[in-house]
Amino acid sequence: MAYVLGLIVSDGAVEDCRKSSRTCYLSITNTDKPLLMQVQKALSSSHRLETRLPHNHLFGKKSYLCKKCHILRIANKQIFQDLINLGIRPRKSLTAILPPLIPNSLFNFFLRGYFDGDGCLNLSVPPGRKTTRIKVIYTSGSMKLLDGINQRLAEILSTTVRKINFNSGAYRLIYGKNDSLKILKFMYSDLNSAPFLQRKYDHYKTLKLG
């Protein structure tokens, strides 16, 4: 559930539709269908996955082409209220915070879920160098959320408290090589105890084997 919560903070949304349909919804959107099937199983959900074909989405004054994606949408008032109590609000993209009371023993799963939604591992070899530059990057529309992750990782792993950058309409928390290696090892510990996005894990494995 800590993993699922992390994925909801990144790729999820809650909707209060009691005025129109007398219920509330949790929806999680991702381009990776097998990952959502893992989440579906973790939630013991019988709700079917919906597929949304590529489409244009207007954000501000710009139009963006959205990839084909899959959606798990669950009608459940109790799940909705539990998420509200954890600070997950409708239209949360700019106001999200790190949910309180996630114990240190489960924070790696939460972080993995968030990483699978709004994180990336960037590997590059700068011109004139032989060593690989390694960066773990978390992205959000909410600076408060990234600041919460920043402070929590410093507490658990003694990582450096990083400056959060703003670029192209989003905030980014970017870690250097040493901290990135700590974070990756932490996120992928107890691999069989929670879901994970296979392609991002495979990217991590190439780093470990390289």
N, C-alpha and C. Protein backbone atom coordinates (compact mmCIF):
# COMPACT_ATOMS: atom_id res chain seq x y z
N MET A 1 0.82 -1.21 0.00
CA MET A 1 0.00 0.00 0.00
C MET A 1 0.86 1.27 0.00
N ALA A 2 2.06 1.19 0.59
CA ALA A 2 2.95 2.35 0.55
C ALA A 2 3.36 2.63 -0.89
N TYR A 3 3.63 1.56 -1.66
CA TYR A 3 3.97 1.73 -3.08
C TYR A 3 2.79 2.36 -3.83
N VAL A 4 1.60 1.82 -3.62
CA VAL A 4 0.41 2.32 -4.31
C VAL A 4 0.18 3.79 -3.97
N LEU A 5 0.41 4.15 -2.70
CA LEU A 5 0.25 5.55 -2.30
C LEU A 5 1.24 6.44 -3.06
N GLY A 6 2.48 5.98 -3.21
CA GLY A 6 3.46 6.76 -3.97
C GLY A 6 3.03 6.95 -5.41
N LEU A 7 2.50 5.89 -6.02
CA LEU A 7 2.04 5.99 -7.40
C LEU A 7 0.83 6.91 -7.51
N ILE A 8 -0.05 6.89 -6.51
CA ILE A 8 -1.22 7.78 -6.51
C ILE A 8 -0.78 9.24 -6.41
N VAL A 9 0.22 9.52 -5.55
CA VAL A 9 0.71 10.89 -5.42
C VAL A 9 1.24 11.41 -6.75
N SER A 10 1.85 10.52 -7.55
CA SER A 10 2.40 10.96 -8.83
C SER A 10 1.38 10.87 -9.96
N ASP A 11 0.75 9.72 -10.14
CA ASP A 11 -0.10 9.47 -11.32
C ASP A 11 -1.58 9.28 -10.99
N GLY A 12 -1.97 9.59 -9.77
CA GLY A 12 -3.35 9.34 -9.38
C GLY A 12 -4.16 10.62 -9.23
N ALA A 13 -5.46 10.43 -9.10
CA ALA A 13 -6.38 11.55 -8.88
C ALA A 13 -7.57 11.05 -8.09
N VAL A 14 -8.13 11.92 -7.27
CA VAL A 14 -9.36 11.59 -6.55
C VAL A 14 -10.46 12.56 -7.00
N GLU A 15 -11.68 12.03 -7.11
CA GLU A 15 -12.81 12.83 -7.58
C GLU A 15 -13.99 12.63 -6.65
N ASP A 16 -14.58 13.71 -6.21
CA ASP A 16 -15.81 13.66 -5.41
C ASP A 16 -16.97 13.91 -6.37
N CYS A 17 -17.69 12.83 -6.71
CA CYS A 17 -18.79 12.93 -7.68
C CYS A 17 -20.14 12.64 -7.03
N ARG A 18 -20.24 12.90 -5.72
CA ARG A 18 -21.47 12.55 -5.01
C ARG A 18 -22.68 13.36 -5.47
N LYS A 19 -22.45 14.55 -6.02
CA LYS A 19 -23.58 15.33 -6.51
C LYS A 19 -24.19 14.74 -7.77
N SER A 20 -23.36 14.10 -8.59
CA SER A 20 -23.85 13.57 -9.87
C SER A 20 -24.06 12.06 -9.86
N SER A 21 -23.15 11.32 -9.21
CA SER A 21 -23.26 9.86 -9.27
C SER A 21 -23.27 9.21 -7.89
N ARG A 22 -23.30 10.01 -6.83
CA ARG A 22 -23.41 9.55 -5.45
C ARG A 22 -22.22 8.72 -4.98
N THR A 23 -21.10 8.89 -5.59
CA THR A 23 -19.92 8.15 -5.14
C THR A 23 -18.67 8.98 -5.36
N CYS A 24 -17.52 8.41 -5.00
CA CYS A 24 -16.22 9.07 -5.17
C CYS A 24 -15.28 8.10 -5.88
N TYR A 25 -14.29 8.65 -6.55
CA TYR A 25 -13.42 7.82 -7.38
C TYR A 25 -11.94 8.04 -7.05
N LEU A 26 -11.19 6.96 -7.19
CA LEU A 26 -9.75 7.02 -7.29
C LEU A 26 -9.40 6.56 -8.69
N SER A 27 -8.57 7.31 -9.39
CA SER A 27 -8.09 6.87 -10.70
C SER A 27 -6.58 6.97 -10.75
N ILE A 28 -5.95 5.97 -11.35
CA ILE A 28 -4.49 5.95 -11.55
C ILE A 28 -4.25 5.74 -13.03
N THR A 29 -3.44 6.61 -13.62
CA THR A 29 -3.17 6.57 -15.05
C THR A 29 -1.69 6.30 -15.29
N ASN A 30 -1.40 5.37 -16.20
CA ASN A 30 -0.01 5.07 -16.52
C ASN A 30 0.06 4.48 -17.91
N THR A 31 1.18 4.66 -18.58
CA THR A 31 1.34 4.10 -19.93
C THR A 31 1.68 2.61 -19.89
N ASP A 32 2.01 2.09 -18.73
CA ASP A 32 2.43 0.69 -18.59
C ASP A 32 1.29 -0.16 -18.02
N LYS A 33 0.66 -0.95 -18.87
CA LYS A 33 -0.49 -1.76 -18.44
C LYS A 33 -0.11 -2.82 -17.41
N PRO A 34 1.02 -3.56 -17.58
CA PRO A 34 1.37 -4.56 -16.57
C PRO A 34 1.55 -3.96 -15.17
N LEU A 35 2.05 -2.73 -15.08
CA LEU A 35 2.20 -2.11 -13.76
C LEU A 35 0.83 -1.88 -13.12
N LEU A 36 -0.13 -1.37 -13.89
CA LEU A 36 -1.46 -1.15 -13.33
C LEU A 36 -2.14 -2.47 -12.97
N MET A 37 -1.81 -3.53 -13.68
CA MET A 37 -2.35 -4.84 -13.31
C MET A 37 -1.80 -5.29 -11.96
N GLN A 38 -0.53 -4.97 -11.68
CA GLN A 38 0.03 -5.26 -10.36
C GLN A 38 -0.67 -4.46 -9.27
N VAL A 39 -0.94 -3.19 -9.56
CA VAL A 39 -1.64 -2.32 -8.61
C VAL A 39 -3.07 -2.82 -8.39
N GLN A 40 -3.72 -3.20 -9.47
CA GLN A 40 -5.07 -3.75 -9.41
C GLN A 40 -5.11 -4.96 -8.47
N LYS A 41 -4.11 -5.83 -8.60
CA LYS A 41 -4.03 -7.01 -7.74
C LYS A 41 -3.77 -6.62 -6.29
N ALA A 42 -2.86 -5.65 -6.08
CA ALA A 42 -2.54 -5.21 -4.72
C ALA A 42 -3.76 -4.63 -4.01
N LEU A 43 -4.64 -3.98 -4.78
CA LEU A 43 -5.85 -3.37 -4.22
C LEU A 43 -7.04 -4.33 -4.20
N SER A 44 -6.82 -5.58 -4.65
CA SER A 44 -7.90 -6.57 -4.75
C SER A 44 -9.09 -6.00 -5.50
N SER A 45 -8.79 -5.30 -6.59
CA SER A 45 -9.83 -4.61 -7.36
C SER A 45 -10.29 -5.46 -8.54
N SER A 46 -11.59 -5.48 -8.75
CA SER A 46 -12.16 -6.17 -9.92
C SER A 46 -12.53 -5.17 -11.01
N HIS A 47 -12.22 -3.89 -10.80
CA HIS A 47 -12.52 -2.86 -11.81
C HIS A 47 -11.63 -3.07 -13.03
N ARG A 48 -12.20 -2.97 -14.19
CA ARG A 48 -11.44 -3.21 -15.41
C ARG A 48 -10.57 -2.00 -15.74
N LEU A 49 -9.50 -2.27 -16.45
CA LEU A 49 -8.62 -1.20 -16.91
C LEU A 49 -9.18 -0.60 -18.19
N GLU A 50 -9.20 0.72 -18.24
CA GLU A 50 -9.62 1.42 -19.45
C GLU A 50 -8.38 1.84 -20.24
N THR A 51 -8.54 1.98 -21.54
CA THR A 51 -7.44 2.42 -22.40
C THR A 51 -7.81 3.73 -23.07
N ARG A 52 -6.90 4.69 -23.00
CA ARG A 52 -7.10 5.97 -23.67
C ARG A 52 -6.08 6.09 -24.80
N LEU A 53 -6.58 6.29 -26.01
CA LEU A 53 -5.71 6.38 -27.18
C LEU A 53 -4.95 7.71 -27.20
N PRO A 54 -3.88 7.81 -27.98
CA PRO A 54 -3.14 9.08 -28.06
C PRO A 54 -4.08 10.24 -28.40
N HIS A 55 -3.87 11.38 -27.71
CA HIS A 55 -4.76 12.53 -27.92
C HIS A 55 -4.01 13.81 -27.57
N ASN A 56 -4.51 14.92 -28.05
CA ASN A 56 -3.94 16.23 -27.73
C ASN A 56 -4.56 16.76 -26.44
N HIS A 57 -3.72 17.31 -25.59
CA HIS A 57 -4.18 17.88 -24.32
C HIS A 57 -3.73 19.32 -24.22
N LEU A 58 -4.66 20.20 -23.93
CA LEU A 58 -4.34 21.63 -23.83
C LEU A 58 -3.92 21.94 -22.40
N PHE A 59 -2.67 22.43 -22.24
CA PHE A 59 -2.16 22.83 -20.94
C PHE A 59 -1.74 24.29 -21.05
N GLY A 60 -2.52 25.16 -20.41
CA GLY A 60 -2.30 26.59 -20.61
C GLY A 60 -2.66 26.96 -22.03
N LYS A 61 -1.71 27.54 -22.73
CA LYS A 61 -1.95 27.93 -24.12
C LYS A 61 -1.30 26.97 -25.11
N LYS A 62 -0.65 25.91 -24.58
CA LYS A 62 0.04 24.97 -25.45
C LYS A 62 -0.71 23.65 -25.52
N SER A 63 -0.63 23.00 -26.68
CA SER A 63 -1.24 21.70 -26.89
C SER A 63 -0.14 20.64 -26.91
N TYR A 64 -0.34 19.56 -26.15
CA TYR A 64 0.65 18.49 -26.06
C TYR A 64 0.01 17.17 -26.51
N LEU A 65 0.78 16.36 -27.21
CA LEU A 65 0.31 15.03 -27.62
C LEU A 65 0.56 14.05 -26.48
N CYS A 66 -0.50 13.47 -25.96
CA CYS A 66 -0.39 12.49 -24.89
C CYS A 66 -0.33 11.08 -25.47
N LYS A 67 0.55 10.26 -24.92
CA LYS A 67 0.70 8.89 -25.39
C LYS A 67 -0.51 8.04 -25.01
N LYS A 68 -0.61 6.90 -25.64
CA LYS A 68 -1.60 5.91 -25.24
C LYS A 68 -1.37 5.55 -23.78
N CYS A 69 -2.43 5.48 -23.00
CA CYS A 69 -2.28 5.19 -21.58
C CYS A 69 -3.41 4.30 -21.09
N HIS A 70 -3.25 3.80 -19.89
CA HIS A 70 -4.24 2.91 -19.28
C HIS A 70 -4.67 3.51 -17.95
N ILE A 71 -5.92 3.28 -17.58
CA ILE A 71 -6.49 3.92 -16.40
C ILE A 71 -7.19 2.87 -15.53
N LEU A 72 -6.85 2.87 -14.26
CA LEU A 72 -7.58 2.08 -13.27
C LEU A 72 -8.44 3.05 -12.47
N ARG A 73 -9.76 2.92 -12.59
CA ARG A 73 -10.69 3.85 -11.93
C ARG A 73 -11.59 3.06 -10.97
N ILE A 74 -11.53 3.43 -9.70
CA ILE A 74 -12.22 2.68 -8.65
C ILE A 74 -13.21 3.59 -7.94
N ALA A 75 -14.45 3.17 -7.90
CA ALA A 75 -15.48 3.90 -7.17
C ALA A 75 -15.54 3.36 -5.74
N ASN A 76 -15.12 4.17 -4.78
CA ASN A 76 -15.09 3.70 -3.40
C ASN A 76 -14.97 4.91 -2.47
N LYS A 77 -16.01 5.17 -1.70
CA LYS A 77 -16.01 6.33 -0.81
C LYS A 77 -14.99 6.21 0.31
N GLN A 78 -14.76 4.98 0.80
CA GLN A 78 -13.82 4.79 1.91
C GLN A 78 -12.39 5.06 1.46
N ILE A 79 -12.02 4.54 0.28
CA ILE A 79 -10.68 4.81 -0.25
C ILE A 79 -10.50 6.31 -0.45
N PHE A 80 -11.52 6.95 -1.02
CA PHE A 80 -11.47 8.40 -1.23
C PHE A 80 -11.21 9.14 0.08
N GLN A 81 -11.97 8.79 1.14
CA GLN A 81 -11.82 9.49 2.41
C GLN A 81 -10.47 9.20 3.05
N ASP A 82 -9.99 7.96 2.93
CA ASP A 82 -8.67 7.63 3.48
C ASP A 82 -7.58 8.47 2.82
N LEU A 83 -7.69 8.65 1.50
CA LEU A 83 -6.70 9.44 0.78
C LEU A 83 -6.80 10.92 1.14
N ILE A 84 -8.02 11.41 1.32
CA ILE A 84 -8.20 12.80 1.77
C ILE A 84 -7.52 13.00 3.12
N ASN A 85 -7.67 12.01 4.02
CA ASN A 85 -7.04 12.09 5.34
C ASN A 85 -5.52 12.10 5.26
N LEU A 86 -4.99 11.52 4.18
CA LEU A 86 -3.54 11.48 3.98
C LEU A 86 -3.03 12.70 3.20
N GLY A 87 -3.93 13.63 2.91
CA GLY A 87 -3.51 14.85 2.24
C GLY A 87 -3.62 14.81 0.72
N ILE A 88 -4.22 13.74 0.16
CA ILE A 88 -4.41 13.64 -1.29
C ILE A 88 -5.72 14.34 -1.63
N ARG A 89 -5.66 15.44 -2.36
CA ARG A 89 -6.84 16.26 -2.64
C ARG A 89 -7.16 16.27 -4.13
N PRO A 90 -8.42 16.55 -4.49
CA PRO A 90 -8.72 16.76 -5.91
C PRO A 90 -7.88 17.89 -6.49
N ARG A 91 -7.48 17.74 -7.75
CA ARG A 91 -6.65 18.74 -8.46
C ARG A 91 -5.40 19.07 -7.63
N LYS A 92 -4.68 18.00 -7.25
CA LYS A 92 -3.57 18.10 -6.31
C LYS A 92 -2.24 18.46 -6.95
N SER A 93 -2.16 18.53 -8.28
CA SER A 93 -0.85 18.58 -8.94
C SER A 93 0.03 19.73 -8.45
N LEU A 94 -0.58 20.87 -8.08
CA LEU A 94 0.22 22.03 -7.66
C LEU A 94 0.29 22.17 -6.14
N THR A 95 -0.49 21.37 -5.42
CA THR A 95 -0.59 21.56 -3.96
C THR A 95 -0.23 20.32 -3.15
N ALA A 96 0.19 19.25 -3.81
CA ALA A 96 0.44 17.98 -3.11
C ALA A 96 1.54 18.16 -2.06
N ILE A 97 1.41 17.40 -0.98
CA ILE A 97 2.43 17.36 0.06
C ILE A 97 2.82 15.90 0.29
N LEU A 98 3.95 15.69 0.95
CA LEU A 98 4.33 14.34 1.31
C LEU A 98 3.36 13.82 2.37
N PRO A 99 2.65 12.71 2.11
CA PRO A 99 1.71 12.21 3.11
C PRO A 99 2.41 11.95 4.44
N PRO A 100 1.80 12.37 5.53
CA PRO A 100 2.43 12.19 6.84
C PRO A 100 2.35 10.74 7.30
N LEU A 101 3.16 10.42 8.29
CA LEU A 101 3.07 9.16 9.02
C LEU A 101 3.46 7.93 8.21
N ILE A 102 4.23 8.10 7.11
CA ILE A 102 4.77 6.93 6.43
C ILE A 102 6.01 6.50 7.21
N PRO A 103 6.01 5.30 7.82
CA PRO A 103 7.17 4.91 8.63
C PRO A 103 8.42 4.73 7.78
N ASN A 104 9.57 4.91 8.38
CA ASN A 104 10.83 4.74 7.65
C ASN A 104 10.94 3.35 7.02
N SER A 105 10.37 2.34 7.68
CA SER A 105 10.47 0.96 7.20
C SER A 105 9.69 0.75 5.90
N LEU A 106 8.79 1.67 5.56
CA LEU A 106 8.00 1.55 4.33
C LEU A 106 8.29 2.66 3.33
N PHE A 107 9.17 3.58 3.69
CA PHE A 107 9.37 4.74 2.82
C PHE A 107 10.01 4.37 1.49
N ASN A 108 10.82 3.31 1.47
CA ASN A 108 11.42 2.89 0.19
C ASN A 108 10.34 2.48 -0.80
N PHE A 109 9.25 1.85 -0.32
CA PHE A 109 8.17 1.45 -1.22
C PHE A 109 7.41 2.66 -1.73
N PHE A 110 7.13 3.61 -0.84
CA PHE A 110 6.47 4.84 -1.28
C PHE A 110 7.31 5.55 -2.33
N LEU A 111 8.61 5.64 -2.07
CA LEU A 111 9.50 6.35 -2.98
C LEU A 111 9.57 5.65 -4.33
N ARG A 112 9.57 4.31 -4.32
CA ARG A 112 9.57 3.55 -5.57
C ARG A 112 8.31 3.83 -6.38
N GLY A 113 7.16 3.89 -5.69
CA GLY A 113 5.92 4.19 -6.38
C GLY A 113 5.93 5.57 -7.00
N TYR A 114 6.46 6.56 -6.25
CA TYR A 114 6.53 7.91 -6.81
C TYR A 114 7.51 7.97 -7.98
N PHE A 115 8.63 7.28 -7.83
CA PHE A 115 9.64 7.24 -8.89
C PHE A 115 9.08 6.62 -10.16
N ASP A 116 8.28 5.56 -10.02
CA ASP A 116 7.70 4.91 -11.20
C ASP A 116 6.71 5.82 -11.92
N GLY A 117 6.17 6.79 -11.21
CA GLY A 117 5.27 7.74 -11.85
C GLY A 117 5.99 8.99 -12.33
N ASP A 118 6.69 9.67 -11.45
CA ASP A 118 7.28 10.98 -11.76
C ASP A 118 8.77 11.07 -11.45
N GLY A 119 9.46 9.97 -11.62
CA GLY A 119 10.90 9.98 -11.41
C GLY A 119 11.64 9.41 -12.60
N CYS A 120 12.93 9.65 -12.66
CA CYS A 120 13.73 9.05 -13.74
C CYS A 120 15.17 8.89 -13.28
N LEU A 121 15.85 7.95 -13.93
CA LEU A 121 17.27 7.75 -13.75
C LEU A 121 17.96 8.22 -15.03
N ASN A 122 18.79 9.24 -14.90
CA ASN A 122 19.47 9.81 -16.05
C ASN A 122 20.94 9.39 -16.04
N LEU A 123 21.35 8.73 -17.11
CA LEU A 123 22.74 8.29 -17.26
C LEU A 123 23.33 8.97 -18.49
N SER A 124 24.48 9.58 -18.34
CA SER A 124 25.12 10.25 -19.48
C SER A 124 26.62 10.26 -19.29
N VAL A 125 27.34 10.31 -20.41
CA VAL A 125 28.80 10.42 -20.37
C VAL A 125 29.16 11.77 -21.00
N PRO A 126 29.56 12.74 -20.19
CA PRO A 126 29.89 14.07 -20.73
C PRO A 126 31.05 13.99 -21.72
N PRO A 127 31.10 14.90 -22.69
CA PRO A 127 32.21 14.93 -23.65
C PRO A 127 33.56 15.03 -22.95
N GLY A 128 34.49 14.18 -23.40
CA GLY A 128 35.83 14.20 -22.84
C GLY A 128 36.00 13.42 -21.55
N ARG A 129 34.92 12.72 -21.09
CA ARG A 129 35.01 11.96 -19.86
C ARG A 129 34.69 10.50 -20.12
N LYS A 130 35.21 9.61 -19.29
CA LYS A 130 34.96 8.18 -19.43
C LYS A 130 33.95 7.66 -18.42
N THR A 131 33.79 8.37 -17.32
CA THR A 131 32.87 7.91 -16.28
C THR A 131 31.44 8.37 -16.56
N THR A 132 30.49 7.57 -16.15
CA THR A 132 29.07 7.86 -16.38
C THR A 132 28.55 8.82 -15.31
N ARG A 133 27.87 9.84 -15.75
CA ARG A 133 27.21 10.76 -14.82
C ARG A 133 25.84 10.17 -14.46
N ILE A 134 25.55 10.07 -13.17
CA ILE A 134 24.33 9.43 -12.68
C ILE A 134 23.50 10.44 -11.93
N LYS A 135 22.23 10.55 -12.32
CA LYS A 135 21.31 11.46 -11.64
C LYS A 135 19.96 10.78 -11.42
N VAL A 136 19.47 10.82 -10.20
CA VAL A 136 18.08 10.46 -9.91
C VAL A 136 17.29 11.76 -9.82
N ILE A 137 16.18 11.83 -10.56
CA ILE A 137 15.41 13.06 -10.66
C ILE A 137 13.95 12.78 -10.31
N TYR A 138 13.39 13.58 -9.43
CA TYR A 138 11.96 13.54 -9.11
C TYR A 138 11.34 14.85 -9.60
N THR A 139 10.17 14.75 -10.22
CA THR A 139 9.50 15.91 -10.80
C THR A 139 8.11 16.07 -10.20
N SER A 140 7.68 17.31 -10.01
CA SER A 140 6.33 17.57 -9.48
C SER A 140 5.93 19.01 -9.78
N GLY A 141 4.63 19.25 -9.78
CA GLY A 141 4.13 20.62 -9.85
C GLY A 141 4.12 21.28 -8.49
N SER A 142 4.43 20.51 -7.45
CA SER A 142 4.39 21.01 -6.07
C SER A 142 5.78 21.02 -5.46
N MET A 143 6.26 22.19 -5.12
CA MET A 143 7.56 22.29 -4.46
C MET A 143 7.50 21.68 -3.06
N LYS A 144 6.36 21.82 -2.36
CA LYS A 144 6.24 21.29 -1.00
C LYS A 144 6.41 19.78 -0.98
N LEU A 145 5.88 19.10 -1.98
CA LEU A 145 6.02 17.64 -2.03
C LEU A 145 7.49 17.25 -2.18
N LEU A 146 8.18 17.87 -3.13
CA LEU A 146 9.59 17.54 -3.34
C LEU A 146 10.45 17.92 -2.14
N ASP A 147 10.10 19.01 -1.48
CA ASP A 147 10.84 19.40 -0.29
C ASP A 147 10.65 18.35 0.81
N GLY A 148 9.45 17.79 0.91
CA GLY A 148 9.21 16.74 1.90
C GLY A 148 10.05 15.51 1.62
N ILE A 149 10.13 15.11 0.34
CA ILE A 149 10.96 13.97 -0.04
C ILE A 149 12.43 14.27 0.23
N ASN A 150 12.85 15.46 -0.11
CA ASN A 150 14.23 15.92 0.10
C ASN A 150 14.63 15.79 1.57
N GLN A 151 13.79 16.29 2.46
CA GLN A 151 14.09 16.27 3.89
C GLN A 151 14.05 14.85 4.45
N ARG A 152 13.10 14.06 3.95
CA ARG A 152 12.95 12.69 4.47
C ARG A 152 14.14 11.81 4.07
N LEU A 153 14.63 11.96 2.84
CA LEU A 153 15.78 11.19 2.40
C LEU A 153 17.04 11.60 3.17
N ALA A 154 17.15 12.88 3.47
CA ALA A 154 18.29 13.33 4.27
C ALA A 154 18.25 12.70 5.66
N GLU A 155 17.05 12.55 6.20
CA GLU A 155 16.88 11.95 7.53
C GLU A 155 17.22 10.47 7.51
N ILE A 156 16.75 9.74 6.49
CA ILE A 156 16.91 8.28 6.46
C ILE A 156 18.27 7.86 5.92
N LEU A 157 18.73 8.50 4.84
CA LEU A 157 19.93 8.06 4.13
C LEU A 157 21.12 9.02 4.28
N SER A 158 20.92 10.12 4.98
CA SER A 158 21.97 11.16 5.12
C SER A 158 22.40 11.71 3.76
N THR A 159 21.44 11.82 2.83
CA THR A 159 21.72 12.46 1.55
C THR A 159 21.83 13.97 1.75
N THR A 160 22.44 14.63 0.78
CA THR A 160 22.55 16.09 0.83
C THR A 160 21.19 16.72 0.57
N VAL A 161 20.82 17.72 1.36
CA VAL A 161 19.59 18.46 1.10
C VAL A 161 19.82 19.31 -0.15
N ARG A 162 19.06 19.02 -1.20
CA ARG A 162 19.31 19.63 -2.49
C ARG A 162 18.43 20.86 -2.73
N LYS A 163 18.94 21.77 -3.54
CA LYS A 163 18.12 22.88 -4.01
C LYS A 163 17.14 22.35 -5.05
N ILE A 164 15.88 22.77 -4.96
CA ILE A 164 14.86 22.32 -5.91
C ILE A 164 14.77 23.34 -7.04
N ASN A 165 14.90 22.86 -8.27
CA ASN A 165 14.90 23.72 -9.44
C ASN A 165 13.52 23.82 -10.06
N PHE A 166 13.25 24.93 -10.73
CA PHE A 166 11.98 25.10 -11.47
C PHE A 166 12.32 25.36 -12.93
N ASN A 167 11.73 24.54 -13.82
CA ASN A 167 12.01 24.67 -15.24
C ASN A 167 10.87 24.06 -16.05
N SER A 168 10.46 24.76 -17.11
CA SER A 168 9.41 24.27 -18.02
C SER A 168 8.12 23.92 -17.29
N GLY A 169 7.77 24.74 -16.30
CA GLY A 169 6.48 24.58 -15.63
C GLY A 169 6.44 23.53 -14.54
N ALA A 170 7.60 22.99 -14.11
CA ALA A 170 7.61 21.96 -13.08
C ALA A 170 8.84 22.11 -12.19
N TYR A 171 8.72 21.60 -10.96
CA TYR A 171 9.84 21.57 -10.03
C TYR A 171 10.59 20.24 -10.18
N ARG A 172 11.90 20.28 -9.98
CA ARG A 172 12.72 19.07 -10.09
C ARG A 172 13.70 18.98 -8.93
N LEU A 173 13.73 17.81 -8.33
CA LEU A 173 14.68 17.49 -7.26
C LEU A 173 15.71 16.55 -7.88
N ILE A 174 16.95 17.02 -8.01
CA ILE A 174 17.99 16.31 -8.75
C ILE A 174 19.13 15.94 -7.82
N TYR A 175 19.48 14.64 -7.78
CA TYR A 175 20.55 14.16 -6.94
C TYR A 175 21.77 13.80 -7.77
N GLY A 176 22.97 14.07 -7.21
CA GLY A 176 24.22 13.69 -7.85
C GLY A 176 24.52 12.22 -7.68
N LYS A 177 25.68 11.82 -8.18
CA LYS A 177 26.02 10.40 -8.28
C LYS A 177 25.97 9.65 -6.96
N ASN A 178 26.68 10.14 -5.95
CA ASN A 178 26.77 9.40 -4.69
C ASN A 178 25.42 9.25 -4.02
N ASP A 179 24.65 10.32 -3.96
CA ASP A 179 23.33 10.24 -3.36
C ASP A 179 22.38 9.40 -4.22
N SER A 180 22.52 9.49 -5.53
CA SER A 180 21.67 8.70 -6.43
C SER A 180 21.88 7.21 -6.20
N LEU A 181 23.11 6.78 -6.03
CA LEU A 181 23.39 5.36 -5.79
C LEU A 181 22.78 4.89 -4.47
N LYS A 182 22.84 5.74 -3.45
CA LYS A 182 22.20 5.42 -2.17
C LYS A 182 20.69 5.26 -2.35
N ILE A 183 20.09 6.21 -3.07
CA ILE A 183 18.64 6.23 -3.25
C ILE A 183 18.17 5.03 -4.05
N LEU A 184 18.87 4.70 -5.12
CA LEU A 184 18.49 3.57 -5.97
C LEU A 184 18.55 2.26 -5.18
N LYS A 185 19.61 2.07 -4.42
CA LYS A 185 19.72 0.86 -3.61
C LYS A 185 18.58 0.80 -2.59
N PHE A 186 18.24 1.93 -2.01
CA PHE A 186 17.15 2.00 -1.03
C PHE A 186 15.80 1.71 -1.68
N MET A 187 15.53 2.34 -2.82
CA MET A 187 14.24 2.16 -3.48
C MET A 187 14.00 0.72 -3.90
N TYR A 188 15.04 0.05 -4.37
CA TYR A 188 14.87 -1.29 -4.91
C TYR A 188 15.21 -2.38 -3.90
N SER A 189 15.29 -2.04 -2.63
CA SER A 189 15.41 -3.07 -1.59
C SER A 189 14.05 -3.74 -1.41
N ASP A 190 14.05 -4.98 -0.95
CA ASP A 190 12.81 -5.75 -0.78
C ASP A 190 11.97 -5.72 -2.06
N LEU A 191 12.60 -6.10 -3.16
CA LEU A 191 11.97 -5.94 -4.47
C LEU A 191 10.67 -6.73 -4.59
N ASN A 192 10.61 -7.89 -3.97
CA ASN A 192 9.44 -8.75 -4.13
C ASN A 192 8.28 -8.38 -3.21
N SER A 193 8.46 -7.37 -2.38
CA SER A 193 7.42 -7.02 -1.41
C SER A 193 6.43 -5.98 -1.93
N ALA A 194 6.70 -5.41 -3.11
CA ALA A 194 5.80 -4.39 -3.67
C ALA A 194 6.01 -4.34 -5.18
N PRO A 195 5.04 -3.80 -5.92
CA PRO A 195 5.20 -3.70 -7.38
C PRO A 195 6.38 -2.82 -7.77
N PHE A 196 6.76 -2.89 -9.04
CA PHE A 196 7.78 -2.00 -9.60
C PHE A 196 7.60 -1.97 -11.11
N LEU A 197 8.00 -0.87 -11.71
CA LEU A 197 7.93 -0.70 -13.16
C LEU A 197 9.15 -1.36 -13.77
N GLN A 198 8.91 -2.39 -14.59
CA GLN A 198 9.99 -3.24 -15.07
C GLN A 198 11.04 -2.47 -15.86
N ARG A 199 10.62 -1.55 -16.75
CA ARG A 199 11.60 -0.88 -17.62
C ARG A 199 12.53 0.03 -16.80
N LYS A 200 12.02 0.65 -15.74
CA LYS A 200 12.89 1.49 -14.92
C LYS A 200 13.84 0.63 -14.09
N TYR A 201 13.35 -0.50 -13.62
CA TYR A 201 14.23 -1.41 -12.89
C TYR A 201 15.30 -1.98 -13.81
N ASP A 202 14.96 -2.31 -15.04
CA ASP A 202 15.94 -2.81 -16.00
C ASP A 202 17.02 -1.76 -16.27
N HIS A 203 16.61 -0.50 -16.32
CA HIS A 203 17.57 0.60 -16.50
C HIS A 203 18.54 0.64 -15.33
N TYR A 204 18.02 0.45 -14.13
CA TYR A 204 18.85 0.41 -12.93
C TYR A 204 19.80 -0.79 -12.96
N LYS A 205 19.33 -1.93 -13.43
CA LYS A 205 20.18 -3.13 -13.49
C LYS A 205 21.35 -2.94 -14.45
N THR A 206 21.14 -2.22 -15.54
CA THR A 206 22.27 -1.98 -16.44
C THR A 206 23.33 -1.13 -15.75
N LEU A 207 22.91 -0.25 -14.86
CA LEU A 207 23.86 0.56 -14.10
C LEU A 207 24.64 -0.33 -13.13
N LYS A 208 23.95 -1.22 -12.46
CA LYS A 208 24.61 -2.09 -11.48
C LYS A 208 25.61 -3.04 -12.15
N LEU A 209 25.27 -3.50 -13.35
CA LEU A 209 26.11 -4.46 -14.05
C LEU A 209 27.22 -3.81 -14.85
N GLY A 210 27.06 -2.44 -15.07
CA GLY A 210 28.03 -1.77 -15.92
C GLY A 210 29.35 -1.50 -15.20
